[in-house]
Structure formats: structure tokens, C-alpha cells
Amino acid sequence: MAVTKVLVVDDSLTMRALISGALERVPQVEVVGSASGAAEARELTAQLNPDVITLDVEMPGMSGLEYLAEVMDKRPMRVIMFSTRTEAGAEDSVEALRLGAVDCFPKPRVATPAELNKIIAKLGKCIKTARHVAPKSTAVVAPVDQAQFDWNGRLLAVGADTSNTKALFDLFGSFPVNCPPTLVVQHLSAALAEGMVGKLDEKVGPRVVLAQDGMAVEQGTIYFASPGDAHMVVDGWPSGTIRLLPRDAVVGERPSISVLLASVAKAAEGESLGLLLASGSQDGSAGMKALMAAGGYGITPGSGTSSDFVLAHGLVTQPLPAADLPRSLLKLFCK
């Protein structure tokens, strides 16, 4: 297995030492350098060519968010952010994900090995997974004019994880106000979910909400499942209704992408389309197969090894070009 090279960026010498020391204990992860700020990080990135950067949100001079925006604009890379466990920290984390960060982790309240050990296993796994995630540029797609969109009655279900946040902002930013009714399960921490939905609702044309039991599924609205103790499903189509089911986790996930897709397959049959962004996750494959077996249409972004995998294993009908995913997808919902 290839080694993942990491550059640690934090203005605190203590945190740099702690993060570097902890990551050095993770198999197949090598810390190739550390930097105290953006200027040093630029130099070391050019010299060391790391696979992944860990970056503190709060730094003097150029902040972590400002540097992240620069990176994604000039040289897109895989970046994992650290932020504080505060309301402002949650907002910063959502903004970092919107800019293209792969994931965000809470910075330990106290700079001790014991505190860092609480997240190191998940962080190490995230770093190794990030190596296979395509870096996200800051390019955006202009929204489709609602006058040019004539909905054909199909229902859209989307499965995503934290690393797909930028892709969701890009996708929904292209949607017209009268977009197809869209149900989303994103593997995202509860601390970030409300901020994610609020930021999307602020930035995109359609209405974006956290799903509640009994909500009608309507055109022009994007419904996000809340992280917690219930799966989101749709009951009936057309005139569908959202139901939240407090059932066991599926492949460790609740809410589950597969549960959503299977419910859409049953409710809407051939009038449904599933978009699987979290193609490297175990969750989603069973639901996508059920949706396609019921006559629905399965889509994944068409670039990289993950899309090749899901296509080869019959999890999607076809990949769509990643660069043109928003407009190509919307064409499938036009009369």
C-alpha cells in the first residue's frame, strides 16, 4: 500500500508536534514536514509535494480559511481542517468544506496526547482515504434559469459524505429555483449538519431544509436527512411524504444512503434517479441496485477510479462527466 505524505500546518509549535507525533504512529502515513503559517506552507508544499495537508482554521496573518481558498484556486490539494468546538468553529468548518476541504476535525480543547488520541484513529483513516479524493477547484457553475426548466416528474435522491460538500454546493448552486424535489443523505456530523443546510439555503436558489417527519416532498425543495437516530425515507409518489424511521444502523450508518434509495425505488419506481457521490463508501450500493432494479436511473461523477469501480460493479447506469455533472444531471429531469 502506498504511503500517504502529510504536511502539518499550525501556528502552535505544541500542536504541530502533537499532530505530527500522533500521525507518525498511523500505518502508511508519513509526516514529511510542518509549517507555522501560510508562507512557510507554500514553500514546503512546492518542495515536498505532500498528498494531504492538515490545516488549522485559526492562524495569525493569513487565516486557515484564506489560505485554503488560495490553495483551491491556485493549486487544488486535499486538505483536512482543524477548528474549535464552538458555534463559530462549526461555521468555519462548513465554510472550509464549501471551499473544498475533505473533512474537518475538532481541535483538542487541551493540547495533550490524550486529547488528540480521541480522534487520531478517525483522522488517520480520513487522511488515507483523502489520498484518493480528487482535489476540488473553486470553479462554480452558473444556475439554470427556472424559465428554461420544465420538470418531468422524476424524484432525485443523493448519497454523499463529508468530502462531497463542495460538490453539493456546486450541484445545488446550478439548480433553478423550481428544481426537482431532492432528498439527500450526507454522512456528516450532527455538529455540522445544521450549519451545512443553513449555508446552502443562503447560497443556492432552491429552498434547503432539514427533513422532518410528515413533510410533503415538493418541487423546488432540497431535503437533508438529520444525523441521528432515524433513517429518512419517502412514502408514496407523486405527492410523496417524508418519514423518519428509528431503525438500526445499516453498514454502520444512520441515516443510510441505501435505505433512502431503496425507499425511493419502491415509491417512485421508474420515475426516480439516484446520484451516488459517496462512491467509496459501503453505504449506498445496495440501495442503488434496488433503485435500478425498479427501473430507476443511477448516476455517479465520471472521473477517477471510484466511478470506474461503481460502474464495473453495476451500481450505476452510467457516469456523467464530473466537470459537467450539474447541467447533464438536470437534463434528465426535463420534459
Protein backbone atom coordinates (compact mmCIF):
# COMPACT_ATOMS: atom_id res chain seq x y z
CA MET A 1 0.00 0.00 0.00
CA ALA A 2 1.31 3.43 -0.93
CA VAL A 3 2.42 5.80 1.80
CA THR A 4 0.36 9.00 2.21
CA LYS A 5 2.60 12.04 2.68
CA VAL A 6 1.25 14.71 5.05
CA LEU A 7 2.22 18.33 5.70
CA VAL A 8 1.04 19.65 9.09
CA VAL A 9 0.22 23.39 9.24
CA ASP A 10 -0.49 25.02 12.63
CA ASP A 11 0.77 28.20 14.26
CA SER A 12 1.23 26.37 17.59
CA LEU A 13 4.57 24.55 17.94
CA THR A 14 2.97 22.27 20.52
CA MET A 15 0.09 21.30 18.23
CA ARG A 16 2.42 20.70 15.30
CA ALA A 17 4.48 18.34 17.44
CA LEU A 18 1.42 16.54 18.83
CA ILE A 19 -0.28 16.08 15.44
CA SER A 20 2.96 15.02 13.76
CA GLY A 21 3.79 12.55 16.53
CA ALA A 22 0.30 11.06 16.50
CA LEU A 23 0.21 10.68 12.72
CA GLU A 24 3.61 9.02 12.64
CA ARG A 25 2.00 6.13 14.55
CA VAL A 26 -0.59 5.60 11.80
CA PRO A 27 0.48 2.89 9.30
CA GLN A 28 1.09 4.09 5.71
CA VAL A 29 1.13 7.75 6.82
CA GLU A 30 4.34 9.79 6.73
CA VAL A 31 4.60 13.36 8.04
CA VAL A 32 7.02 14.96 5.58
CA GLY A 33 7.09 18.41 7.18
CA SER A 34 5.36 21.02 9.33
CA ALA A 35 4.70 24.72 8.85
CA SER A 36 3.74 27.55 11.20
CA GLY A 37 1.71 29.53 8.66
CA ALA A 38 0.68 30.10 5.06
CA ALA A 39 4.02 31.49 3.81
CA GLU A 40 6.01 28.50 5.09
CA ALA A 41 3.32 26.09 3.92
CA ARG A 42 3.58 27.43 0.35
CA GLU A 43 7.33 26.80 0.31
CA LEU A 44 7.13 23.33 1.81
CA THR A 45 4.26 22.30 -0.46
CA ALA A 46 6.37 23.17 -3.50
CA GLN A 47 9.41 21.34 -2.09
CA LEU A 48 7.77 18.26 -0.57
CA ASN A 49 4.67 17.75 -2.75
CA PRO A 50 2.52 16.25 0.05
CA ASP A 51 -0.58 14.18 -0.70
CA VAL A 52 -2.57 15.77 2.14
CA ILE A 53 -2.31 18.96 4.21
CA THR A 54 -3.74 19.30 7.71
CA LEU A 55 -4.56 22.96 8.31
CA ASP A 56 -5.62 24.96 11.37
CA VAL A 57 -8.53 27.33 10.74
CA GLU A 58 -7.32 29.94 13.22
CA MET A 59 -3.84 31.27 12.39
CA PRO A 60 -2.35 34.78 12.66
CA GLY A 61 -1.79 36.73 9.46
CA MET A 62 -3.48 34.77 6.69
CA SER A 63 -6.13 32.56 8.32
CA GLY A 64 -6.54 28.90 7.51
CA LEU A 65 -9.71 29.64 5.54
CA GLU A 66 -7.97 32.33 3.50
CA TYR A 67 -5.07 30.00 2.76
CA LEU A 68 -7.46 27.17 1.88
CA ALA A 69 -9.23 29.44 -0.62
CA GLU A 70 -5.84 30.32 -2.15
CA VAL A 71 -4.83 26.65 -2.38
CA MET A 72 -8.07 25.62 -4.07
CA ASP A 73 -7.79 28.49 -6.53
CA LYS A 74 -4.11 28.14 -7.48
CA ARG A 75 -3.17 24.53 -6.75
CA PRO A 76 -6.11 22.37 -5.60
CA MET A 77 -4.99 19.86 -2.97
CA ARG A 78 -6.50 17.50 -0.42
CA VAL A 79 -6.84 19.49 2.80
CA ILE A 80 -8.15 18.40 6.21
CA MET A 81 -9.04 21.21 8.60
CA PHE A 82 -8.87 21.59 12.39
CA SER A 83 -11.28 24.03 14.03
CA THR A 84 -12.51 24.87 17.53
CA ARG A 85 -15.54 23.19 19.15
CA THR A 86 -17.63 26.36 19.12
CA GLU A 87 -20.59 27.68 17.14
CA ALA A 88 -18.17 29.92 15.24
CA GLY A 89 -15.92 26.89 14.74
CA ALA A 90 -18.82 24.97 13.20
CA GLU A 91 -19.48 27.84 10.80
CA ASP A 92 -15.81 27.90 9.84
CA SER A 93 -15.88 24.15 9.28
CA VAL A 94 -18.85 24.38 6.92
CA GLU A 95 -17.14 27.20 5.04
CA ALA A 96 -13.95 25.11 4.78
CA LEU A 97 -15.93 22.19 3.36
CA ARG A 98 -17.67 24.53 0.92
CA LEU A 99 -14.27 25.74 -0.27
CA GLY A 100 -13.15 22.17 -0.92
CA ALA A 101 -11.66 20.72 2.30
CA VAL A 102 -12.02 16.94 2.50
CA ASP A 103 -13.06 16.93 6.17
CA CYS A 104 -12.94 18.96 9.39
CA PHE A 105 -11.92 17.77 12.84
CA PRO A 106 -12.44 19.44 16.22
CA LYS A 107 -9.21 20.81 17.62
CA PRO A 108 -8.46 19.37 21.09
CA ARG A 109 -9.50 21.75 23.87
CA VAL A 110 -6.23 20.94 25.64
CA ALA A 111 -3.03 20.29 23.69
CA THR A 112 -2.23 16.88 25.16
CA PRO A 113 -1.57 13.46 23.62
CA ALA A 114 -4.60 12.05 25.45
CA GLU A 115 -6.96 14.58 23.82
CA LEU A 116 -5.51 14.00 20.36
CA ASN A 117 -5.73 10.22 20.78
CA LYS A 118 -9.53 10.56 20.93
CA ILE A 119 -9.65 11.49 17.23
CA ILE A 120 -6.42 10.04 15.82
CA ALA A 121 -7.92 6.76 14.53
CA LYS A 122 -10.62 8.59 12.56
CA LEU A 123 -8.14 11.24 11.43
CA GLY A 124 -5.66 8.63 10.21
CA LYS A 125 -8.38 6.82 8.24
CA CYS A 126 -9.54 10.12 6.77
CA ILE A 127 -6.02 11.03 5.67
CA LYS A 128 -5.50 7.73 3.90
CA THR A 129 -8.91 7.99 2.22
CA ALA A 130 -8.22 11.60 1.20
CA ARG A 131 -5.31 10.44 -0.94
CA HIS A 132 -7.88 9.01 -3.37
CA VAL A 133 -10.21 12.02 -3.36
CA ALA A 134 -9.89 14.35 -6.35
CA PRO A 135 -8.97 17.90 -5.19
CA LYS A 136 -11.79 20.41 -5.67
CA SER A 137 -11.16 23.65 -7.55
CA THR A 138 -13.09 26.83 -6.76
CA ALA A 139 -14.74 26.99 -10.20
CA VAL A 140 -18.52 27.39 -9.99
CA VAL A 141 -21.37 26.71 -12.40
CA ALA A 142 -23.98 29.38 -13.11
CA PRO A 143 -27.54 28.40 -12.11
CA VAL A 144 -30.03 27.29 -14.72
CA ASP A 145 -32.82 29.80 -15.39
CA GLN A 146 -36.09 28.49 -13.93
CA ALA A 147 -37.88 29.51 -17.14
CA GLN A 148 -35.72 27.01 -19.03
CA PHE A 149 -36.51 24.11 -16.69
CA ASP A 150 -39.69 22.08 -17.25
CA TRP A 151 -39.73 19.28 -14.67
CA ASN A 152 -40.67 15.81 -15.93
CA GLY A 153 -41.89 14.46 -12.58
CA ARG A 154 -38.80 12.46 -11.58
CA LEU A 155 -37.59 12.34 -7.96
CA LEU A 156 -33.89 12.80 -7.13
CA ALA A 157 -32.10 11.03 -4.25
CA VAL A 158 -28.46 11.87 -3.46
CA GLY A 159 -25.93 9.97 -1.35
CA ALA A 160 -22.82 11.84 -0.18
CA ASP A 161 -20.20 12.05 2.54
CA THR A 162 -18.27 14.91 4.11
CA SER A 163 -15.72 15.06 1.28
CA ASN A 164 -18.55 15.72 -1.21
CA THR A 165 -19.61 19.01 0.42
CA LYS A 166 -18.07 21.21 -2.30
CA ALA A 167 -19.70 19.01 -4.95
CA LEU A 168 -23.09 19.51 -3.27
CA PHE A 169 -22.66 23.30 -3.20
CA ASP A 170 -21.67 23.25 -6.88
CA LEU A 171 -24.53 20.94 -7.85
CA PHE A 172 -27.29 22.72 -5.95
CA GLY A 173 -25.85 26.11 -6.88
CA SER A 174 -26.63 25.22 -10.50
CA PHE A 175 -30.21 24.17 -9.72
CA PRO A 176 -33.05 26.51 -10.72
CA VAL A 177 -35.49 27.70 -8.04
CA ASN A 178 -38.03 25.19 -9.39
CA CYS A 179 -35.59 22.24 -9.19
CA PRO A 180 -36.74 18.62 -8.96
CA PRO A 181 -37.65 17.55 -5.40
CA THR A 182 -34.36 16.30 -3.97
CA LEU A 183 -33.66 14.06 -0.95
CA VAL A 184 -30.12 13.96 0.44
CA VAL A 185 -28.36 11.69 2.89
CA GLN A 186 -24.88 13.04 3.63
CA HIS A 187 -22.58 11.35 6.13
CA LEU A 188 -21.89 14.47 8.16
CA SER A 189 -21.50 15.07 11.88
CA ALA A 190 -24.50 16.42 13.77
CA ALA A 191 -22.45 19.47 14.76
CA LEU A 192 -22.09 20.46 11.09
CA ALA A 193 -25.45 19.44 9.62
CA GLU A 194 -27.48 22.48 10.67
CA GLY A 195 -24.76 24.86 9.51
CA MET A 196 -24.46 23.00 6.21
CA VAL A 197 -28.18 23.31 5.49
CA GLY A 198 -28.25 26.96 6.56
CA LYS A 199 -25.29 27.87 4.36
CA LEU A 200 -26.78 26.04 1.36
CA ASP A 201 -30.15 27.71 1.83
CA GLU A 202 -28.34 31.06 1.86
CA LYS A 203 -26.20 30.36 -1.21
CA VAL A 204 -28.45 28.46 -3.65
CA GLY A 205 -31.75 29.21 -5.38
CA PRO A 206 -33.96 26.34 -4.18
CA ARG A 207 -35.20 26.04 -0.61
CA VAL A 208 -32.95 23.79 1.53
CA VAL A 209 -34.27 22.27 4.77
CA LEU A 210 -33.55 19.61 7.38
CA ALA A 211 -36.17 16.93 6.81
CA GLN A 212 -38.91 16.43 9.38
CA ASP A 213 -41.36 13.58 9.69
CA GLY A 214 -44.52 14.21 7.69
CA MET A 215 -43.08 16.86 5.35
CA ALA A 216 -44.53 16.88 1.84
CA VAL A 217 -41.94 16.27 -0.90
CA GLU A 218 -42.29 19.25 -3.23
CA GLN A 219 -40.66 20.71 -6.31
CA GLY A 220 -38.19 23.48 -5.53
CA THR A 221 -37.03 21.99 -2.21
CA ILE A 222 -33.91 20.04 -1.19
CA TYR A 223 -34.37 17.90 1.94
CA PHE A 224 -31.37 16.85 4.05
CA ALA A 225 -31.63 13.96 6.50
CA SER A 226 -30.59 14.92 10.04
CA PRO A 227 -27.70 12.91 11.52
CA GLY A 228 -29.01 10.97 14.50
CA ASP A 229 -31.25 8.05 15.32
CA ALA A 230 -33.53 7.82 12.27
CA HIS A 231 -33.41 6.90 8.58
CA MET A 232 -35.10 9.17 6.03
CA VAL A 233 -37.50 7.51 3.55
CA VAL A 234 -40.17 8.74 1.15
CA ASP A 235 -43.71 7.35 1.32
CA GLY A 236 -45.69 7.44 -1.93
CA TRP A 237 -45.14 9.16 -5.27
CA PRO A 238 -46.29 11.53 -6.63
CA SER A 239 -47.50 13.52 -3.60
CA GLY A 240 -44.76 11.91 -1.54
CA THR A 241 -44.25 12.34 2.20
CA ILE A 242 -41.04 12.11 4.21
CA ARG A 243 -40.92 9.59 7.02
CA LEU A 244 -38.21 9.32 9.68
CA LEU A 245 -37.75 5.74 10.86
CA PRO A 246 -35.86 4.98 14.12
CA ARG A 247 -34.34 1.70 12.92
CA ASP A 248 -30.92 0.07 13.37
CA ALA A 249 -27.92 1.48 11.52
CA VAL A 250 -27.13 -0.01 8.09
CA VAL A 251 -23.41 -0.78 7.49
CA GLY A 252 -22.73 1.49 10.44
CA GLU A 253 -24.69 4.47 9.05
CA ARG A 254 -27.88 6.13 10.26
CA PRO A 255 -29.36 7.79 8.31
CA SER A 256 -28.38 5.45 5.49
CA ILE A 257 -28.00 6.23 1.79
CA SER A 258 -29.14 2.71 0.91
CA VAL A 259 -32.32 2.99 2.98
CA LEU A 260 -33.21 6.26 1.25
CA LEU A 261 -32.51 4.89 -2.23
CA ALA A 262 -34.48 1.68 -1.55
CA SER A 263 -37.48 3.71 -0.37
CA VAL A 264 -37.31 5.92 -3.47
CA ALA A 265 -37.11 2.79 -5.64
CA LYS A 266 -40.31 1.46 -4.03
CA ALA A 267 -42.22 4.75 -4.04
CA ALA A 268 -41.29 6.20 -7.42
CA GLU A 269 -40.18 3.08 -9.31
CA GLY A 270 -39.10 4.17 -12.81
CA GLU A 271 -39.67 7.86 -12.00
CA SER A 272 -36.57 8.14 -9.80
CA LEU A 273 -32.90 8.95 -10.19
CA GLY A 274 -30.12 8.20 -7.71
CA LEU A 275 -26.88 10.18 -7.62
CA LEU A 276 -24.09 8.45 -5.69
CA LEU A 277 -21.32 10.90 -4.81
CA ALA A 278 -20.02 8.83 -1.87
CA SER A 279 -18.88 6.09 -4.24
CA GLY A 280 -16.06 4.92 -1.94
CA SER A 281 -18.47 4.20 0.93
CA GLN A 282 -20.04 0.84 1.73
CA ASP A 283 -23.35 2.62 2.23
CA GLY A 284 -25.30 3.22 -0.96
CA SER A 285 -24.53 0.17 -3.10
CA ALA A 286 -27.49 -1.96 -2.01
CA GLY A 287 -29.91 0.94 -2.35
CA MET A 288 -28.62 1.88 -5.78
CA LYS A 289 -29.06 -1.67 -7.01
CA ALA A 290 -32.63 -1.68 -5.70
CA LEU A 291 -33.38 1.62 -7.42
CA MET A 292 -32.02 0.42 -10.75
CA ALA A 293 -33.84 -2.92 -10.45
CA ALA A 294 -37.09 -0.95 -10.08
CA GLY A 295 -36.43 0.94 -13.31
CA GLY A 296 -34.74 3.99 -11.80
CA TYR A 297 -31.61 5.63 -13.16
CA GLY A 298 -28.23 5.54 -11.36
CA ILE A 299 -25.56 8.23 -11.79
CA THR A 300 -22.06 8.87 -10.46
CA PRO A 301 -19.44 11.51 -11.41
CA GLY A 302 -17.47 10.06 -14.31
CA SER A 303 -13.84 10.53 -13.38
CA GLY A 304 -11.31 8.63 -11.31
CA THR A 305 -11.12 5.08 -10.01
CA SER A 306 -14.22 5.30 -7.78
CA SER A 307 -16.56 5.86 -10.74
CA ASP A 308 -14.86 3.00 -12.62
CA PHE A 309 -15.49 0.76 -9.60
CA VAL A 310 -19.19 1.54 -9.21
CA LEU A 311 -19.77 1.18 -12.96
CA ALA A 312 -17.96 -2.17 -13.10
CA HIS A 313 -20.00 -3.46 -10.16
CA GLY A 314 -23.31 -2.44 -11.68
CA LEU A 315 -24.06 0.26 -9.12
CA VAL A 316 -24.94 2.94 -11.65
CA THR A 317 -26.48 3.14 -15.09
CA GLN A 318 -23.75 5.47 -16.27
CA PRO A 319 -21.16 8.01 -15.11
CA LEU A 320 -21.62 11.63 -16.14
CA PRO A 321 -18.61 13.88 -16.81
CA ALA A 322 -17.66 15.33 -13.42
CA ALA A 323 -16.96 18.77 -14.88
CA ASP A 324 -20.42 18.93 -16.44
CA LEU A 325 -22.36 16.96 -13.83
CA PRO A 326 -24.84 19.70 -12.80
CA ARG A 327 -26.15 20.53 -16.28
CA SER A 328 -26.00 16.93 -17.53
CA LEU A 329 -27.95 15.79 -14.49
CA LEU A 330 -30.64 18.44 -14.89
CA LYS A 331 -31.25 17.35 -18.48
CA LEU A 332 -32.50 14.03 -17.09
CA PHE A 333 -35.23 15.93 -15.21
CA CYS A 334 -36.52 17.98 -18.16
CA LYS A 335 -39.53 17.06 -20.29
